[in-house]
Amino acid sequence: MNRSTLWLLLILSTGIVTSTCGGGPADPDPNRFAGEIEAFHDWDSKNAVPAEPVLFVGSSSIRLWRTHASFPDLPVVNRGFGGSHIADVTHFADRVVLPYKPRVIVFYAGDNDIASGKPAHRVFEDYRTFVGIVHAKLPDARILFLAIKPSESRWSFWPETKKANELIRGLSANDKRLLFIDVATPLLRPDGMPDNALFLKDKLHLNPAGYEVWARTLTPALRQVLAARRDVERH
């Protein structure tokens, strides 16, 4: 058993610990989300959950997205929890990702990471850890990373955000199970600044028009990935 496999097994058995690996500030305590995670569990215990769903997971940009309305013909499950970092999603992967055995995961996080002072390579490494944990248990799952968005309220972080996006784009290009979806560029005006017509008054979170842009951008990739999965299953 190689070192990488041993590390993944250790993470899966003990959970993610607070770390500054890769530079930047320590991860915040994931237990601040304990109530929200328990609410997901309570909901699941009382309601039917689709088999092998398209799982949306990540921070508030996922939580606030009316994903069932945007993708009415898909078996969607939304497990976003606002304010989360990538490490938080990884920490709770055994509760908000793995139990659903999703065929496709739509992932958005990293926004809060960059805003807290984490550098691009740290965001990249944290995402790579998440991918490793998912594929250790669900090796055929497709993971679609939604590019970390530009916004006026966090415009000073955009240079570092672009670096993180490009690192993750490169990772995705080297694994057919990964896909990078550029939902960032469509949120920019021709002059390169964020289009505030697509954001709420906080100039951080998307409004319904912004989510329509995201849905239009994501839909072709989702259909392509799901069609490819069906072809594999038929053969």
Foldseek 3Di string as FASTA:
>chain_A
DDPVVVVLVVCVVPFDDFDQPQHDDTFPDLCVCVVVLVVVVVVCVVDPADAQFAEEEEAPLQVVFPVCVLCVPGRYDGHYYHPDALSSCQRCCVRRPVVRLHQEYEYEHDLNVLVRPRALVVSLVSVVSSVVNCCVRNVNRAYEYEQHADWPVPNVSVVRSVSNLVSVCVVQVVDVSYHYFDLHVVQADPVGHGDCVQPDPVRRHGDPVSVNSVSVRCVVVVVVSVVVVVVVVVD
